[in-house]
PDB file of N, CA and C in Angstrom:
ATOM      1  N   MET A   1     -27.194   6.115 -10.952  1.00  0.00           N
ATOM      2  CA  MET A   1     -27.597   5.455  -9.720  1.00  0.00           C
ATOM      3  C   MET A   1     -26.387   4.903  -9.046  1.00  0.00           C
ATOM      4  N   ALA A   2     -26.222   5.056  -7.797  1.00  0.00           N
ATOM      5  CA  ALA A   2     -25.137   4.591  -6.966  1.00  0.00           C
ATOM      6  C   ALA A   2     -25.095   3.032  -6.964  1.00  0.00           C
ATOM      7  N   GLU A   3     -23.874   2.458  -7.043  1.00  0.00           N
ATOM      8  CA  GLU A   3     -23.712   1.045  -7.020  1.00  0.00           C
ATOM      9  C   GLU A   3     -24.003   0.531  -5.615  1.00  0.00           C
ATOM     10  N   LEU A   4     -24.736  -0.572  -5.466  1.00  0.00           N
ATOM     11  CA  LEU A   4     -24.957  -1.154  -4.181  1.00  0.00           C
ATOM     12  C   LEU A   4     -23.680  -1.725  -3.516  1.00  0.00           C
ATOM     13  N   SER A   5     -23.592  -1.609  -2.280  1.00  0.00           N
ATOM     14  CA  SER A   5     -22.360  -2.175  -1.553  1.00  0.00           C
ATOM     15  C   SER A   5     -22.468  -3.613  -1.575  1.00  0.00           C
ATOM     16  N   LYS A   6     -21.285  -4.307  -1.560  1.00  0.00           N
ATOM     17  CA  LYS A   6     -21.155  -5.725  -1.525  1.00  0.00           C
ATOM     18  C   LYS A   6     -20.731  -6.130  -0.090  1.00  0.00           C
ATOM     19  N   ARG A   7     -21.222  -7.235   0.330  1.00  0.00           N
ATOM     20  CA  ARG A   7     -20.851  -7.709   1.630  1.00  0.00           C
ATOM     21  C   ARG A   7     -19.743  -8.762   1.587  1.00  0.00           C
ATOM     22  N   ALA A   8     -18.787  -8.657   2.536  1.00  0.00           N
ATOM     23  CA  ALA A   8     -17.754  -9.662   2.607  1.00  0.00           C
ATOM     24  C   ALA A   8     -17.433  -9.923   4.070  1.00  0.00           C
ATOM     25  N   THR A   9     -16.968 -11.112   4.363  1.00  0.00           N
ATOM     26  CA  THR A   9     -16.556 -11.379   5.738  1.00  0.00           C
ATOM     27  C   THR A   9     -15.035 -11.284   5.790  1.00  0.00           C
ATOM     28  N   VAL A  10     -14.528 -10.480   6.713  1.00  0.00           N
ATOM     29  CA  VAL A  10     -13.124 -10.287   6.856  1.00  0.00           C
ATOM     30  C   VAL A  10     -12.809 -10.599   8.333  1.00  0.00           C
ATOM     31  N   TYR A  11     -11.771 -11.387   8.573  1.00  0.00           N
ATOM     32  CA  TYR A  11     -11.416 -11.729   9.968  1.00  0.00           C
ATOM     33  C   TYR A  11     -10.173 -10.865  10.309  1.00  0.00           C
ATOM     34  N   PHE A  12     -10.285 -10.189  11.426  1.00  0.00           N
ATOM     35  CA  PHE A  12      -9.206  -9.328  11.915  1.00  0.00           C
ATOM     36  C   PHE A  12      -8.671  -9.843  13.230  1.00  0.00           C
ATOM     37  N   GLU A  13      -7.400  -9.611  13.459  1.00  0.00           N
ATOM     38  CA  GLU A  13      -6.779 -10.000  14.748  1.00  0.00           C
ATOM     39  C   GLU A  13      -7.585  -9.135  15.807  1.00  0.00           C
ATOM     40  N   PRO A  14      -7.753  -9.540  17.024  1.00  0.00           N
ATOM     41  CA  PRO A  14      -8.421  -8.814  17.987  1.00  0.00           C
ATOM     42  C   PRO A  14      -7.941  -7.363  18.204  1.00  0.00           C
ATOM     43  N   SER A  15      -6.625  -7.216  18.178  1.00  0.00           N
ATOM     44  CA  SER A  15      -6.105  -5.867  18.439  1.00  0.00           C
ATOM     45  C   SER A  15      -6.340  -4.909  17.262  1.00  0.00           C
ATOM     46  N   ILE A  16      -6.360  -5.466  16.037  1.00  0.00           N
ATOM     47  CA  ILE A  16      -6.626  -4.706  14.841  1.00  0.00           C
ATOM     48  C   ILE A  16      -8.160  -4.329  14.835  1.00  0.00           C
ATOM     49  N   HIS A  17      -8.981  -5.307  15.187  1.00  0.00           N
ATOM     50  CA  HIS A  17     -10.400  -4.998  15.273  1.00  0.00           C
ATOM     51  C   HIS A  17     -10.661  -3.922  16.327  1.00  0.00           C
ATOM     52  N   HIS A  18     -10.026  -3.961  17.437  1.00  0.00           N
ATOM     53  CA  HIS A  18     -10.184  -2.986  18.529  1.00  0.00           C
ATOM     54  C   HIS A  18      -9.806  -1.601  17.963  1.00  0.00           C
ATOM     55  N   ALA A  19      -8.644  -1.550  17.340  1.00  0.00           N
ATOM     56  CA  ALA A  19      -8.118  -0.264  16.752  1.00  0.00           C
ATOM     57  C   ALA A  19      -9.164   0.294  15.713  1.00  0.00           C
ATOM     58  N   LEU A  20      -9.725  -0.587  14.875  1.00  0.00           N
ATOM     59  CA  LEU A  20     -10.652  -0.082  13.929  1.00  0.00           C
ATOM     60  C   LEU A  20     -11.923   0.455  14.616  1.00  0.00           C
ATOM     61  N   ARG A  21     -12.370  -0.264  15.645  1.00  0.00           N
ATOM     62  CA  ARG A  21     -13.548   0.212  16.362  1.00  0.00           C
ATOM     63  C   ARG A  21     -13.306   1.628  17.000  1.00  0.00           C
ATOM     64  N   VAL A  22     -12.140   1.745  17.620  1.00  0.00           N
ATOM     65  CA  VAL A  22     -11.761   3.094  18.211  1.00  0.00           C
ATOM     66  C   VAL A  22     -11.667   4.153  17.167  1.00  0.00           C
ATOM     67  N   LYS A  23     -10.972   3.840  16.054  1.00  0.00           N
ATOM     68  CA  LYS A  23     -10.901   4.828  14.954  1.00  0.00           C
ATOM     69  C   LYS A  23     -12.278   5.241  14.428  1.00  0.00           C
ATOM     70  N   ALA A  24     -13.043   4.268  14.197  1.00  0.00           N
ATOM     71  CA  ALA A  24     -14.395   4.480  13.655  1.00  0.00           C
ATOM     72  C   ALA A  24     -15.144   5.362  14.626  1.00  0.00           C
ATOM     73  N   ALA A  25     -15.082   5.149  15.842  1.00  0.00           N
ATOM     74  CA  ALA A  25     -15.878   5.946  16.822  1.00  0.00           C
ATOM     75  C   ALA A  25     -15.313   7.303  16.861  1.00  0.00           C
ATOM     76  N   ASN A  26     -13.938   7.521  16.863  1.00  0.00           N
ATOM     77  CA  ASN A  26     -13.321   8.795  16.954  1.00  0.00           C
ATOM     78  C   ASN A  26     -13.642   9.617  15.697  1.00  0.00           C
ATOM     79  N   THR A  27     -13.788   8.974  14.574  1.00  0.00           N
ATOM     80  CA  THR A  27     -13.989   9.728  13.330  1.00  0.00           C
ATOM     81  C   THR A  27     -15.468   9.748  12.913  1.00  0.00           C
ATOM     82  N   GLN A  28     -16.261   9.234  13.758  1.00  0.00           N
ATOM     83  CA  GLN A  28     -17.722   9.182  13.505  1.00  0.00           C
ATOM     84  C   GLN A  28     -18.072   8.447  12.201  1.00  0.00           C
ATOM     85  N   GLN A  29     -17.330   7.333  11.992  1.00  0.00           N
ATOM     86  CA  GLN A  29     -17.576   6.564  10.752  1.00  0.00           C
ATOM     87  C   GLN A  29     -17.878   5.171  11.173  1.00  0.00           C
ATOM     88  N   SER A  30     -18.334   4.368  10.274  1.00  0.00           N
ATOM     89  CA  SER A  30     -18.473   2.857  10.559  1.00  0.00           C
ATOM     90  C   SER A  30     -17.181   2.221  10.259  1.00  0.00           C
ATOM     91  N   ILE A  31     -17.058   0.987  10.851  1.00  0.00           N
ATOM     92  CA  ILE A  31     -15.842   0.256  10.535  1.00  0.00           C
ATOM     93  C   ILE A  31     -15.721   0.053   9.010  1.00  0.00           C
ATOM     94  N   SER A  32     -16.827  -0.226   8.343  1.00  0.00           N
ATOM     95  CA  SER A  32     -16.883  -0.426   6.895  1.00  0.00           C
ATOM     96  C   SER A  32     -16.269   0.789   6.216  1.00  0.00           C
ATOM     97  N   GLN A  33     -16.641   1.958   6.602  1.00  0.00           N
ATOM     98  CA  GLN A  33     -16.146   3.139   5.990  1.00  0.00           C
ATOM     99  C   GLN A  33     -14.548   3.285   6.161  1.00  0.00           C
ATOM    100  N   VAL A  34     -14.118   3.014   7.360  1.00  0.00           N
ATOM    101  CA  VAL A  34     -12.677   3.074   7.683  1.00  0.00           C
ATOM    102  C   VAL A  34     -11.932   2.086   6.869  1.00  0.00           C
ATOM    103  N   VAL A  35     -12.420   0.824   6.663  1.00  0.00           N
ATOM    104  CA  VAL A  35     -11.778  -0.206   5.964  1.00  0.00           C
ATOM    105  C   VAL A  35     -11.817   0.162   4.473  1.00  0.00           C
ATOM    106  N   ASN A  36     -13.005   0.645   3.968  1.00  0.00           N
ATOM    107  CA  ASN A  36     -13.117   1.023   2.545  1.00  0.00           C
ATOM    108  C   ASN A  36     -12.070   2.078   2.196  1.00  0.00           C
ATOM    109  N   GLU A  37     -11.915   3.090   3.095  1.00  0.00           N
ATOM    110  CA  GLU A  37     -10.905   4.160   2.802  1.00  0.00           C
ATOM    111  C   GLU A  37      -9.518   3.563   2.807  1.00  0.00           C
ATOM    112  N   ALA A  38      -9.185   2.703   3.728  1.00  0.00           N
ATOM    113  CA  ALA A  38      -7.890   2.101   3.764  1.00  0.00           C
ATOM    114  C   ALA A  38      -7.572   1.275   2.502  1.00  0.00           C
ATOM    115  N   VAL A  39      -8.533   0.509   2.076  1.00  0.00           N
ATOM    116  CA  VAL A  39      -8.351  -0.292   0.873  1.00  0.00           C
ATOM    117  C   VAL A  39      -8.218   0.616  -0.407  1.00  0.00           C
ATOM    118  N   GLN A  40      -9.007   1.692  -0.465  1.00  0.00           N
ATOM    119  CA  GLN A  40      -8.954   2.587  -1.549  1.00  0.00           C
ATOM    120  C   GLN A  40      -7.532   3.257  -1.630  1.00  0.00           C
ATOM    121  N   LEU A  41      -7.009   3.646  -0.457  1.00  0.00           N
ATOM    122  CA  LEU A  41      -5.689   4.245  -0.389  1.00  0.00           C
ATOM    123  C   LEU A  41      -4.663   3.221  -0.854  1.00  0.00           C
ATOM    124  N   ALA A  42      -4.755   2.030  -0.400  1.00  0.00           N
ATOM    125  CA  ALA A  42      -3.756   0.972  -0.793  1.00  0.00           C
ATOM    126  C   ALA A  42      -3.795   0.698  -2.278  1.00  0.00           C
ATOM    127  N   LEU A  43      -4.974   0.692  -2.841  1.00  0.00           N
ATOM    128  CA  LEU A  43      -5.102   0.473  -4.358  1.00  0.00           C
ATOM    129  C   LEU A  43      -4.637   1.652  -5.086  1.00  0.00           C
ATOM    130  N   ARG A  44      -4.848   2.877  -4.628  1.00  0.00           N
ATOM    131  CA  ARG A  44      -4.288   4.041  -5.277  1.00  0.00           C
ATOM    132  C   ARG A  44      -2.750   4.059  -5.238  1.00  0.00           C
ATOM    133  N   GLU A  45      -2.175   3.639  -4.142  1.00  0.00           N
ATOM    134  CA  GLU A  45      -0.710   3.501  -4.077  1.00  0.00           C
ATOM    135  C   GLU A  45      -0.185   2.455  -5.013  1.00  0.00           C
ATOM    136  N   ASP A  46      -0.841   1.336  -5.161  1.00  0.00           N
ATOM    137  CA  ASP A  46      -0.517   0.342  -6.163  1.00  0.00           C
ATOM    138  C   ASP A  46      -0.524   0.876  -7.514  1.00  0.00           C
ATOM    139  N   GLU A  47      -1.554   1.686  -7.868  1.00  0.00           N
ATOM    140  CA  GLU A  47      -1.729   2.243  -9.142  1.00  0.00           C
ATOM    141  C   GLU A  47      -0.507   3.225  -9.446  1.00  0.00           C
ATOM    142  N   GLU A  48      -0.193   4.023  -8.423  1.00  0.00           N
ATOM    143  CA  GLU A  48       0.979   4.937  -8.556  1.00  0.00           C
ATOM    144  C   GLU A  48       2.260   4.253  -8.831  1.00  0.00           C
ATOM    145  N   ASP A  49       2.421   3.125  -8.044  1.00  0.00           N
ATOM    146  CA  ASP A  49       3.659   2.325  -8.208  1.00  0.00           C
ATOM    147  C   ASP A  49       3.736   1.717  -9.587  1.00  0.00           C
ATOM    148  N   LEU A  50       2.661   1.202 -10.102  1.00  0.00           N
ATOM    149  CA  LEU A  50       2.596   0.637 -11.425  1.00  0.00           C
ATOM    150  C   LEU A  50       2.960   1.672 -12.478  1.00  0.00           C
ATOM    151  N   SER A  51       2.356   2.836 -12.300  1.00  0.00           N
ATOM    152  CA  SER A  51       2.658   3.962 -13.274  1.00  0.00           C
ATOM    153  C   SER A  51       4.189   4.353 -13.215  1.00  0.00           C
ATOM    154  N   ALA A  52       4.723   4.353 -12.034  1.00  0.00           N
ATOM    155  CA  ALA A  52       6.167   4.687 -11.914  1.00  0.00           C
ATOM    156  C   ALA A  52       6.975   3.592 -12.624  1.00  0.00           C
ATOM    157  N   PHE A  53       6.655   2.298 -12.451  1.00  0.00           N
ATOM    158  CA  PHE A  53       7.354   1.244 -13.138  1.00  0.00           C
ATOM    159  C   PHE A  53       7.243   1.420 -14.652  1.00  0.00           C
ATOM    160  N   GLU A  54       6.078   1.758 -15.125  1.00  0.00           N
ATOM    161  CA  GLU A  54       5.874   1.936 -16.606  1.00  0.00           C
ATOM    162  C   GLU A  54       6.712   3.072 -17.081  1.00  0.00           C
ATOM    163  N   GLU A  55       6.837   4.161 -16.324  1.00  0.00           N
ATOM    164  CA  GLU A  55       7.646   5.343 -16.754  1.00  0.00           C
ATOM    165  C   GLU A  55       9.080   5.060 -16.773  1.00  0.00           C
ATOM    166  N   ARG A  56       9.575   4.070 -15.957  1.00  0.00           N
ATOM    167  CA  ARG A  56      10.964   3.794 -15.872  1.00  0.00           C
ATOM    168  C   ARG A  56      11.389   2.549 -16.586  1.00  0.00           C
ATOM    169  N   VAL A  57      10.530   1.923 -17.336  1.00  0.00           N
ATOM    170  CA  VAL A  57      10.797   0.626 -17.976  1.00  0.00           C
ATOM    171  C   VAL A  57      12.000   0.711 -18.910  1.00  0.00           C
ATOM    172  N   ALA A  58      12.215   1.869 -19.517  1.00  0.00           N
ATOM    173  CA  ALA A  58      13.359   1.940 -20.487  1.00  0.00           C
ATOM    174  C   ALA A  58      14.665   2.218 -19.767  1.00  0.00           C
ATOM    175  N   GLU A  59      14.739   2.487 -18.554  1.00  0.00           N
ATOM    176  CA  GLU A  59      15.943   2.756 -17.819  1.00  0.00           C
ATOM    177  C   GLU A  59      16.798   1.564 -17.703  1.00  0.00           C
ATOM    178  N   PRO A  60      18.135   1.704 -17.746  1.00  0.00           N
ATOM    179  CA  PRO A  60      18.971   0.572 -17.639  1.00  0.00           C
ATOM    180  C   PRO A  60      18.890  -0.044 -16.263  1.00  0.00           C
ATOM    181  N   THR A  61      19.084  -1.348 -16.162  1.00  0.00           N
ATOM    182  CA  THR A  61      19.038  -2.030 -14.978  1.00  0.00           C
ATOM    183  C   THR A  61      20.420  -2.245 -14.412  1.00  0.00           C
ATOM    184  N   LEU A  62      20.639  -2.459 -13.142  1.00  0.00           N
ATOM    185  CA  LEU A  62      21.896  -2.737 -12.500  1.00  0.00           C
ATOM    186  C   LEU A  62      21.735  -3.893 -11.556  1.00  0.00           C
ATOM    187  N   SER A  63      22.570  -4.921 -11.737  1.00  0.00           N
ATOM    188  CA  SER A  63      22.393  -6.047 -10.903  1.00  0.00           C
ATOM    189  C   SER A  63      22.902  -5.720  -9.478  1.00  0.00           C
ATOM    190  N   TYR A  64      22.501  -6.474  -8.509  1.00  0.00           N
ATOM    191  CA  TYR A  64      22.967  -6.269  -7.169  1.00  0.00           C
ATOM    192  C   TYR A  64      24.488  -6.382  -7.025  1.00  0.00           C
ATOM    193  N   GLU A  65      25.063  -7.349  -7.697  1.00  0.00           N
ATOM    194  CA  GLU A  65      26.464  -7.630  -7.688  1.00  0.00           C
ATOM    195  C   GLU A  65      27.184  -6.335  -8.254  1.00  0.00           C
ATOM    196  N   ALA A  66      26.732  -5.792  -9.386  1.00  0.00           N
ATOM    197  CA  ALA A  66      27.285  -4.636 -10.010  1.00  0.00           C
ATOM    198  C   ALA A  66      27.194  -3.445  -9.081  1.00  0.00           C
ATOM    199  N   LEU A  67      26.038  -3.354  -8.423  1.00  0.00           N
ATOM    200  CA  LEU A  67      25.925  -2.204  -7.449  1.00  0.00           C
ATOM    201  C   LEU A  67      26.887  -2.277  -6.347  1.00  0.00           C
ATOM    202  N   LEU A  68      27.152  -3.502  -5.786  1.00  0.00           N
ATOM    203  CA  LEU A  68      28.112  -3.648  -4.709  1.00  0.00           C
ATOM    204  C   LEU A  68      29.516  -3.297  -5.237  1.00  0.00           C
ATOM    205  N   LYS A  69      29.818  -3.818  -6.394  1.00  0.00           N
ATOM    206  CA  LYS A  69      31.170  -3.511  -7.006  1.00  0.00           C
ATOM    207  C   LYS A  69      31.355  -2.034  -7.206  1.00  0.00           C
ATOM    208  N   ASN A  70      30.296  -1.293  -7.682  1.00  0.00           N
ATOM    209  CA  ASN A  70      30.410   0.137  -7.846  1.00  0.00           C
ATOM    210  C   ASN A  70      30.571   0.814  -6.531  1.00  0.00           C
ATOM    211  N   LEU A  71      29.851   0.427  -5.517  1.00  0.00           N
ATOM    212  CA  LEU A  71      29.997   1.022  -4.196  1.00  0.00           C
ATOM    213  C   LEU A  71      31.405   0.866  -3.608  1.00  0.00           C
ATOM    214  N   LYS A  72      31.910  -0.368  -3.840  1.00  0.00           N
ATOM    215  CA  LYS A  72      33.247  -0.688  -3.331  1.00  0.00           C
ATOM    216  C   LYS A  72      34.332   0.139  -4.056  1.00  0.00           C
ATOM    217  N   ALA A  73      34.121   0.232  -5.335  1.00  0.00           N
ATOM    218  CA  ALA A  73      35.086   1.039  -6.178  1.00  0.00           C
ATOM    219  C   ALA A  73      35.067   2.526  -5.796  1.00  0.00           C
ATOM    220  N   HIS A  74      34.007   2.994  -5.312  1.00  0.00           N
ATOM    221  CA  HIS A  74      33.932   4.416  -4.941  1.00  0.00           C
ATOM    222  C   HIS A  74      34.157   4.561  -3.390  1.00  0.00           C
ATOM    223  N   GLY A  75      34.609   3.567  -2.665  1.00  0.00           N
ATOM    224  CA  GLY A  75      34.917   3.676  -1.290  1.00  0.00           C
ATOM    225  C   GLY A  75      33.695   3.804  -0.364  1.00  0.00           C
ATOM    226  N   LYS A  76      32.581   3.370  -0.843  1.00  0.00           N
ATOM    227  CA  LYS A  76      31.362   3.374  -0.044  1.00  0.00           C
ATOM    228  C   LYS A  76      31.169   2.204   0.821  1.00  0.00           C
ATOM    229  N   LEU A  77      31.880   1.101   0.477  1.00  0.00           N
ATOM    230  CA  LEU A  77      31.844  -0.167   1.248  1.00  0.00           C
ATOM    231  C   LEU A  77      33.165  -0.514   1.766  1.00  0.00           C
TER     232      LEU A  77
END
């Protein structure tokens, strides 16, 4: 059985709300559908970022100061 939708109140700047209304009308979706898709996309991107961090956790780190020193030593700065 499909999970019931939850209701939330979200306040948008007037220009953002207008853009959402226009996009919803142009794509024949509700504003809720447009917002849900945007949130899902943002959450998927977060999940991908976290996975990338986990994959690279064993890589050596380089401080900002060391990076600048290295760039200067190689004539990049």
